[in-house]
Amino acid sequence: MGLQVRAMNLGEVYLESLSTGIITQQEIDWITTQQSAFNREEEAMALRIGRLLDEGSLQIGCRLFEQPPMHVVQPSPLG
């Protein structure tokens, strides 16, 4: 199984972090290397991520799986 590589977008990182409560080290590294190119809105998102980390609302970790969209019905394990 290969590693999936795709371009990051700060808006996606922000929303994914808020929805899961987790931000990965790779995402933090990407934010710090790209911050000089951020526009005003992106700077505000990056600052908000930092504040959420400081207050403990976001944890640094890993996401083990991608959550399916809410409209996808998962099959029952009972059949």
PDB file of N, CA and C in Angstrom:
ATOM      1  N   MET A   1       0.844  -1.171   0.000  1.00  0.00           N
ATOM      2  CA  MET A   1       0.000   0.000   0.000  1.00  0.00           C
ATOM      3  C   MET A   1       0.895   1.242   0.000  1.00  0.00           C
ATOM      4  N   GLY A   2       0.760   2.098  -1.006  1.00  0.00           N
ATOM      5  CA  GLY A   2       1.587   3.281  -1.132  1.00  0.00           C
ATOM      6  C   GLY A   2       1.046   4.446  -0.332  1.00  0.00           C
ATOM      7  N   LEU A   3       1.898   5.395  -0.105  1.00  0.00           N
ATOM      8  CA  LEU A   3       1.529   6.609   0.602  1.00  0.00           C
ATOM      9  C   LEU A   3       0.843   7.548  -0.364  1.00  0.00           C
ATOM     10  N   GLN A   4      -0.327   8.053   0.011  1.00  0.00           N
ATOM     11  CA  GLN A   4      -1.062   8.965  -0.849  1.00  0.00           C
ATOM     12  C   GLN A   4      -0.542  10.382  -0.640  1.00  0.00           C
ATOM     13  N   VAL A   5      -0.132  11.019  -1.725  1.00  0.00           N
ATOM     14  CA  VAL A   5       0.400  12.374  -1.652  1.00  0.00           C
ATOM     15  C   VAL A   5      -0.505  13.275  -2.466  1.00  0.00           C
ATOM     16  N   ARG A   6      -0.953  14.379  -1.869  1.00  0.00           N
ATOM     17  CA  ARG A   6      -1.753  15.340  -2.603  1.00  0.00           C
ATOM     18  C   ARG A   6      -1.443  16.729  -2.080  1.00  0.00           C
ATOM     19  N   ALA A   7      -1.760  17.709  -2.884  1.00  0.00           N
ATOM     20  CA  ALA A   7      -1.495  19.093  -2.499  1.00  0.00           C
ATOM     21  C   ALA A   7      -2.383  19.472  -1.311  1.00  0.00           C
ATOM     22  N   MET A   8      -1.813  20.179  -0.357  1.00  0.00           N
ATOM     23  CA  MET A   8      -2.574  20.622   0.802  1.00  0.00           C
ATOM     24  C   MET A   8      -3.176  21.990   0.522  1.00  0.00           C
ATOM     25  N   ASN A   9      -4.245  22.253   1.217  1.00  0.00           N
ATOM     26  CA  ASN A   9      -4.940  23.519   1.152  1.00  0.00           C
ATOM     27  C   ASN A   9      -5.254  23.892   2.592  1.00  0.00           C
ATOM     28  N   LEU A  10      -4.932  25.112   3.005  1.00  0.00           N
ATOM     29  CA  LEU A  10      -5.109  25.476   4.404  1.00  0.00           C
ATOM     30  C   LEU A  10      -6.561  25.386   4.838  1.00  0.00           C
ATOM     31  N   GLY A  11      -7.483  25.728   3.946  1.00  0.00           N
ATOM     32  CA  GLY A  11      -8.897  25.622   4.298  1.00  0.00           C
ATOM     33  C   GLY A  11      -9.294  24.191   4.623  1.00  0.00           C
ATOM     34  N   GLU A  12      -8.792  23.239   3.834  1.00  0.00           N
ATOM     35  CA  GLU A  12      -9.082  21.824   4.088  1.00  0.00           C
ATOM     36  C   GLU A  12      -8.443  21.367   5.392  1.00  0.00           C
ATOM     37  N   VAL A  13      -7.204  21.765   5.626  1.00  0.00           N
ATOM     38  CA  VAL A  13      -6.513  21.397   6.871  1.00  0.00           C
ATOM     39  C   VAL A  13      -7.290  21.949   8.062  1.00  0.00           C
ATOM     40  N   TYR A  14      -7.706  23.201   7.957  1.00  0.00           N
ATOM     41  CA  TYR A  14      -8.450  23.858   9.028  1.00  0.00           C
ATOM     42  C   TYR A  14      -9.750  23.119   9.322  1.00  0.00           C
ATOM     43  N   LEU A  15     -10.544  22.857   8.301  1.00  0.00           N
ATOM     44  CA  LEU A  15     -11.838  22.194   8.500  1.00  0.00           C
ATOM     45  C   LEU A  15     -11.676  20.756   8.995  1.00  0.00           C
ATOM     46  N   GLU A  16     -10.712  20.048   8.440  1.00  0.00           N
ATOM     47  CA  GLU A  16     -10.466  18.665   8.881  1.00  0.00           C
ATOM     48  C   GLU A  16     -10.025  18.641  10.346  1.00  0.00           C
ATOM     49  N   SER A  17      -9.181  19.585  10.726  1.00  0.00           N
ATOM     50  CA  SER A  17      -8.716  19.660  12.114  1.00  0.00           C
ATOM     51  C   SER A  17      -9.864  19.979  13.062  1.00  0.00           C
ATOM     52  N   LEU A  18     -10.713  20.914  12.663  1.00  0.00           N
ATOM     53  CA  LEU A  18     -11.858  21.248  13.512  1.00  0.00           C
ATOM     54  C   LEU A  18     -12.826  20.082  13.642  1.00  0.00           C
ATOM     55  N   SER A  19     -13.045  19.363  12.547  1.00  0.00           N
ATOM     56  CA  SER A  19     -14.030  18.280  12.591  1.00  0.00           C
ATOM     57  C   SER A  19     -13.527  17.055  13.344  1.00  0.00           C
ATOM     58  N   THR A  20     -12.214  16.813  13.321  1.00  0.00           N
ATOM     59  CA  THR A  20     -11.676  15.625  13.992  1.00  0.00           C
ATOM     60  C   THR A  20     -11.043  15.925  15.347  1.00  0.00           C
ATOM     61  N   GLY A  21     -10.664  17.193  15.559  1.00  0.00           N
ATOM     62  CA  GLY A  21      -9.954  17.543  16.792  1.00  0.00           C
ATOM     63  C   GLY A  21      -8.485  17.173  16.741  1.00  0.00           C
ATOM     64  N   ILE A  22      -8.007  16.789  15.545  1.00  0.00           N
ATOM     65  CA  ILE A  22      -6.619  16.342  15.378  1.00  0.00           C
ATOM     66  C   ILE A  22      -5.986  17.081  14.213  1.00  0.00           C
ATOM     67  N   ILE A  23      -4.723  17.457  14.391  1.00  0.00           N
ATOM     68  CA  ILE A  23      -3.906  17.976  13.300  1.00  0.00           C
ATOM     69  C   ILE A  23      -2.631  17.148  13.278  1.00  0.00           C
ATOM     70  N   THR A  24      -2.183  16.783  12.092  1.00  0.00           N
ATOM     71  CA  THR A  24      -0.995  15.936  12.004  1.00  0.00           C
ATOM     72  C   THR A  24       0.273  16.787  12.019  1.00  0.00           C
ATOM     73  N   GLN A  25       1.366  16.162  12.362  1.00  0.00           N
ATOM     74  CA  GLN A  25       2.653  16.859  12.351  1.00  0.00           C
ATOM     75  C   GLN A  25       2.993  17.305  10.935  1.00  0.00           C
ATOM     76  N   GLN A  26       2.654  16.490   9.946  1.00  0.00           N
ATOM     77  CA  GLN A  26       2.898  16.849   8.551  1.00  0.00           C
ATOM     78  C   GLN A  26       2.133  18.122   8.178  1.00  0.00           C
ATOM     79  N   GLU A  27       0.898  18.259   8.657  1.00  0.00           N
ATOM     80  CA  GLU A  27       0.112  19.466   8.384  1.00  0.00           C
ATOM     81  C   GLU A  27       0.712  20.687   9.070  1.00  0.00           C
ATOM     82  N   ILE A  28       1.170  20.514  10.299  1.00  0.00           N
ATOM     83  CA  ILE A  28       1.817  21.628  11.009  1.00  0.00           C
ATOM     84  C   ILE A  28       3.086  22.049  10.271  1.00  0.00           C
ATOM     85  N   ASP A  29       3.878  21.081   9.844  1.00  0.00           N
ATOM     86  CA  ASP A  29       5.105  21.386   9.097  1.00  0.00           C
ATOM     87  C   ASP A  29       4.775  22.133   7.811  1.00  0.00           C
ATOM     88  N   TRP A  30       3.727  21.705   7.107  1.00  0.00           N
ATOM     89  CA  TRP A  30       3.330  22.354   5.867  1.00  0.00           C
ATOM     90  C   TRP A  30       2.905  23.795   6.133  1.00  0.00           C
ATOM     91  N   ILE A  31       2.130  24.010   7.188  1.00  0.00           N
ATOM     92  CA  ILE A  31       1.673  25.369   7.531  1.00  0.00           C
ATOM     93  C   ILE A  31       2.869  26.271   7.793  1.00  0.00           C
ATOM     94  N   THR A  32       3.839  25.785   8.556  1.00  0.00           N
ATOM     95  CA  THR A  32       4.983  26.646   8.892  1.00  0.00           C
ATOM     96  C   THR A  32       5.850  26.955   7.678  1.00  0.00           C
ATOM     97  N   THR A  33       5.945  26.037   6.728  1.00  0.00           N
ATOM     98  CA  THR A  33       6.769  26.315   5.546  1.00  0.00           C
ATOM     99  C   THR A  33       6.048  27.190   4.529  1.00  0.00           C
ATOM    100  N   GLN A  34       4.723  27.191   4.551  1.00  0.00           N
ATOM    101  CA  GLN A  34       3.941  27.957   3.574  1.00  0.00           C
ATOM    102  C   GLN A  34       3.435  29.298   4.096  1.00  0.00           C
ATOM    103  N   GLN A  35       3.623  29.576   5.376  1.00  0.00           N
ATOM    104  CA  GLN A  35       2.971  30.744   5.974  1.00  0.00           C
ATOM    105  C   GLN A  35       3.352  32.076   5.347  1.00  0.00           C
ATOM    106  N   SER A  36       4.526  32.172   4.768  1.00  0.00           N
ATOM    107  CA  SER A  36       4.917  33.448   4.146  1.00  0.00           C
ATOM    108  C   SER A  36       4.091  33.755   2.896  1.00  0.00           C
ATOM    109  N   ALA A  37       3.447  32.748   2.322  1.00  0.00           N
ATOM    110  CA  ALA A  37       2.631  32.953   1.120  1.00  0.00           C
ATOM    111  C   ALA A  37       1.141  33.091   1.440  1.00  0.00           C
ATOM    112  N   PHE A  38       0.764  32.996   2.706  1.00  0.00           N
ATOM    113  CA  PHE A  38      -0.652  33.065   3.075  1.00  0.00           C
ATOM    114  C   PHE A  38      -1.215  34.455   2.881  1.00  0.00           C
ATOM    115  N   ASN A  39      -2.477  34.503   2.461  1.00  0.00           N
ATOM    116  CA  ASN A  39      -3.175  35.783   2.417  1.00  0.00           C
ATOM    117  C   ASN A  39      -3.732  36.065   3.812  1.00  0.00           C
ATOM    118  N   ARG A  40      -4.430  37.152   3.964  1.00  0.00           N
ATOM    119  CA  ARG A  40      -4.913  37.572   5.273  1.00  0.00           C
ATOM    120  C   ARG A  40      -5.861  36.544   5.908  1.00  0.00           C
ATOM    121  N   GLU A  41      -6.754  35.992   5.107  1.00  0.00           N
ATOM    122  CA  GLU A  41      -7.706  34.993   5.604  1.00  0.00           C
ATOM    123  C   GLU A  41      -6.981  33.732   6.063  1.00  0.00           C
ATOM    124  N   GLU A  42      -5.985  33.296   5.285  1.00  0.00           N
ATOM    125  CA  GLU A  42      -5.222  32.106   5.646  1.00  0.00           C
ATOM    126  C   GLU A  42      -4.392  32.343   6.903  1.00  0.00           C
ATOM    127  N   GLU A  43      -3.842  33.549   7.052  1.00  0.00           N
ATOM    128  CA  GLU A  43      -3.104  33.874   8.274  1.00  0.00           C
ATOM    129  C   GLU A  43      -4.016  33.747   9.489  1.00  0.00           C
ATOM    130  N   ALA A  44      -5.253  34.217   9.359  1.00  0.00           N
ATOM    131  CA  ALA A  44      -6.208  34.130  10.467  1.00  0.00           C
ATOM    132  C   ALA A  44      -6.509  32.668  10.803  1.00  0.00           C
ATOM    133  N   MET A  45      -6.647  31.807   9.779  1.00  0.00           N
ATOM    134  CA  MET A  45      -6.887  30.380  10.023  1.00  0.00           C
ATOM    135  C   MET A  45      -5.697  29.751  10.729  1.00  0.00           C
ATOM    136  N   ALA A  46      -4.488  30.085  10.294  1.00  0.00           N
ATOM    137  CA  ALA A  46      -3.288  29.522  10.920  1.00  0.00           C
ATOM    138  C   ALA A  46      -3.179  29.959  12.380  1.00  0.00           C
ATOM    139  N   LEU A  47      -3.491  31.213  12.649  1.00  0.00           N
ATOM    140  CA  LEU A  47      -3.475  31.691  14.036  1.00  0.00           C
ATOM    141  C   LEU A  47      -4.520  30.973  14.879  1.00  0.00           C
ATOM    142  N   ARG A  48      -5.687  30.747  14.292  1.00  0.00           N
ATOM    143  CA  ARG A  48      -6.752  30.039  15.012  1.00  0.00           C
ATOM    144  C   ARG A  48      -6.329  28.607  15.331  1.00  0.00           C
ATOM    145  N   ILE A  49      -5.684  27.948  14.395  1.00  0.00           N
ATOM    146  CA  ILE A  49      -5.177  26.596  14.649  1.00  0.00           C
ATOM    147  C   ILE A  49      -4.191  26.619  15.814  1.00  0.00           C
ATOM    148  N   GLY A  50      -3.306  27.601  15.833  1.00  0.00           N
ATOM    149  CA  GLY A  50      -2.349  27.735  16.933  1.00  0.00           C
ATOM    150  C   GLY A  50      -3.033  27.937  18.267  1.00  0.00           C
ATOM    151  N   ARG A  51      -4.043  28.788  18.291  1.00  0.00           N
ATOM    152  CA  ARG A  51      -4.781  29.027  19.538  1.00  0.00           C
ATOM    153  C   ARG A  51      -5.495  27.764  20.012  1.00  0.00           C
ATOM    154  N   LEU A  52      -6.097  27.036  19.063  1.00  0.00           N
ATOM    155  CA  LEU A  52      -6.785  25.794  19.429  1.00  0.00           C
ATOM    156  C   LEU A  52      -5.810  24.758  19.981  1.00  0.00           C
ATOM    157  N   LEU A  53      -4.605  24.709  19.424  1.00  0.00           N
ATOM    158  CA  LEU A  53      -3.573  23.818  19.962  1.00  0.00           C
ATOM    159  C   LEU A  53      -3.183  24.244  21.369  1.00  0.00           C
ATOM    160  N   ASP A  54      -2.979  25.548  21.565  1.00  0.00           N
ATOM    161  CA  ASP A  54      -2.590  26.061  22.876  1.00  0.00           C
ATOM    162  C   ASP A  54      -3.616  25.771  23.958  1.00  0.00           C
ATOM    163  N   GLU A  55      -4.900  25.881  23.601  1.00  0.00           N
ATOM    164  CA  GLU A  55      -5.940  25.670  24.612  1.00  0.00           C
ATOM    165  C   GLU A  55      -6.330  24.198  24.763  1.00  0.00           C
ATOM    166  N   GLY A  56      -5.740  23.331  23.947  1.00  0.00           N
ATOM    167  CA  GLY A  56      -5.998  21.901  24.072  1.00  0.00           C
ATOM    168  C   GLY A  56      -7.211  21.404  23.305  1.00  0.00           C
ATOM    169  N   SER A  57      -7.818  22.261  22.489  1.00  0.00           N
ATOM    170  CA  SER A  57      -8.975  21.840  21.701  1.00  0.00           C
ATOM    171  C   SER A  57      -8.565  21.021  20.484  1.00  0.00           C
ATOM    172  N   LEU A  58      -7.336  21.191  20.025  1.00  0.00           N
ATOM    173  CA  LEU A  58      -6.769  20.380  18.942  1.00  0.00           C
ATOM    174  C   LEU A  58      -5.603  19.593  19.508  1.00  0.00           C
ATOM    175  N   GLN A  59      -5.485  18.360  19.069  1.00  0.00           N
ATOM    176  CA  GLN A  59      -4.382  17.507  19.483  1.00  0.00           C
ATOM    177  C   GLN A  59      -3.518  17.191  18.266  1.00  0.00           C
ATOM    178  N   ILE A  60      -2.209  17.052  18.489  1.00  0.00           N
ATOM    179  CA  ILE A  60      -1.303  16.629  17.421  1.00  0.00           C
ATOM    180  C   ILE A  60      -1.323  15.110  17.408  1.00  0.00           C
ATOM    181  N   GLY A  61      -1.625  14.542  16.266  1.00  0.00           N
ATOM    182  CA  GLY A  61      -1.713  13.083  16.182  1.00  0.00           C
ATOM    183  C   GLY A  61      -1.834  12.640  14.753  1.00  0.00           C
ATOM    184  N   CYS A  62      -2.479  11.502  14.566  1.00  0.00           N
ATOM    185  CA  CYS A  62      -2.683  10.978  13.217  1.00  0.00           C
ATOM    186  C   CYS A  62      -4.132  10.555  13.078  1.00  0.00           C
ATOM    187  N   ARG A  63      -4.582  10.588  11.853  1.00  0.00           N
ATOM    188  CA  ARG A  63      -5.929  10.115  11.540  1.00  0.00           C
ATOM    189  C   ARG A  63      -5.772   8.719  10.941  1.00  0.00           C
ATOM    190  N   LEU A  64      -6.388   7.738  11.547  1.00  0.00           N
ATOM    191  CA  LEU A  64      -6.220   6.358  11.120  1.00  0.00           C
ATOM    192  C   LEU A  64      -7.048   6.009   9.896  1.00  0.00           C
ATOM    193  N   PHE A  65      -8.132   6.733   9.676  1.00  0.00           N
ATOM    194  CA  PHE A  65      -8.991   6.457   8.532  1.00  0.00           C
ATOM    195  C   PHE A  65      -9.710   7.731   8.133  1.00  0.00           C
ATOM    196  N   GLU A  66     -10.135   7.742   6.899  1.00  0.00           N
ATOM    197  CA  GLU A  66     -10.939   8.852   6.411  1.00  0.00           C
ATOM    198  C   GLU A  66     -12.388   8.549   6.753  1.00  0.00           C
ATOM    199  N   GLN A  67     -13.086   9.520   7.316  1.00  0.00           N
ATOM    200  CA  GLN A  67     -14.491   9.325   7.614  1.00  0.00           C
ATOM    201  C   GLN A  67     -15.303   9.445   6.329  1.00  0.00           C
ATOM    202  N   PRO A  68     -16.245   8.523   6.110  1.00  0.00           N
ATOM    203  CA  PRO A  68     -17.077   8.629   4.913  1.00  0.00           C
ATOM    204  C   PRO A  68     -18.025   9.804   5.038  1.00  0.00           C
ATOM    205  N   PRO A  69     -18.474  10.356   3.924  1.00  0.00           N
ATOM    206  CA  PRO A  69     -19.461  11.440   3.984  1.00  0.00           C
ATOM    207  C   PRO A  69     -20.702  10.978   4.742  1.00  0.00           C
ATOM    208  N   MET A  70     -21.399  11.917   5.343  1.00  0.00           N
ATOM    209  CA  MET A  70     -22.559  11.596   6.166  1.00  0.00           C
ATOM    210  C   MET A  70     -23.655  10.867   5.382  1.00  0.00           C
ATOM    211  N   HIS A  71     -23.767  11.075   4.089  1.00  0.00           N
ATOM    212  CA  HIS A  71     -24.837  10.467   3.312  1.00  0.00           C
ATOM    213  C   HIS A  71     -24.539   9.021   2.889  1.00  0.00           C
ATOM    214  N   VAL A  72     -23.345   8.539   3.174  1.00  0.00           N
ATOM    215  CA  VAL A  72     -22.980   7.166   2.812  1.00  0.00           C
ATOM    216  C   VAL A  72     -23.449   6.243   3.922  1.00  0.00           C
ATOM    217  N   VAL A  73     -24.223   5.234   3.575  1.00  0.00           N
ATOM    218  CA  VAL A  73     -24.722   4.270   4.551  1.00  0.00           C
ATOM    219  C   VAL A  73     -23.743   3.114   4.630  1.00  0.00           C
ATOM    220  N   GLN A  74     -23.253   2.841   5.827  1.00  0.00           N
ATOM    221  CA  GLN A  74     -22.326   1.746   6.048  1.00  0.00           C
ATOM    222  C   GLN A  74     -23.113   0.445   6.192  1.00  0.00           C
ATOM    223  N   PRO A  75     -22.634  -0.642   5.592  1.00  0.00           N
ATOM    224  CA  PRO A  75     -23.327  -1.933   5.731  1.00  0.00           C
ATOM    225  C   PRO A  75     -23.309  -2.412   7.184  1.00  0.00           C
ATOM    226  N   SER A  76     -24.351  -3.045   7.581  1.00  0.00           N
ATOM    227  CA  SER A  76     -24.451  -3.580   8.932  1.00  0.00           C
ATOM    228  C   SER A  76     -23.538  -4.799   9.065  1.00  0.00           C
ATOM    229  N   PRO A  77     -22.797  -4.926  10.182  1.00  0.00           N
ATOM    230  CA  PRO A  77     -21.936  -6.096  10.365  1.00  0.00           C
ATOM    231  C   PRO A  77     -22.751  -7.387  10.530  1.00  0.00           C
ATOM    232  N   LEU A  78     -24.046  -7.234  10.831  1.00  0.00           N
ATOM    233  CA  LEU A  78     -24.907  -8.408  11.029  1.00  0.00           C
ATOM    234  C   LEU A  78     -25.524  -8.910   9.735  1.00  0.00           C
ATOM    235  N   GLY A  79     -25.345  -8.152   8.657  1.00  0.00           N
ATOM    236  CA  GLY A  79     -25.835  -8.619   7.364  1.00  0.00           C
ATOM    237  C   GLY A  79     -26.970  -7.872   6.926  1.00  0.00           C
TER     238      GLY A  79
END
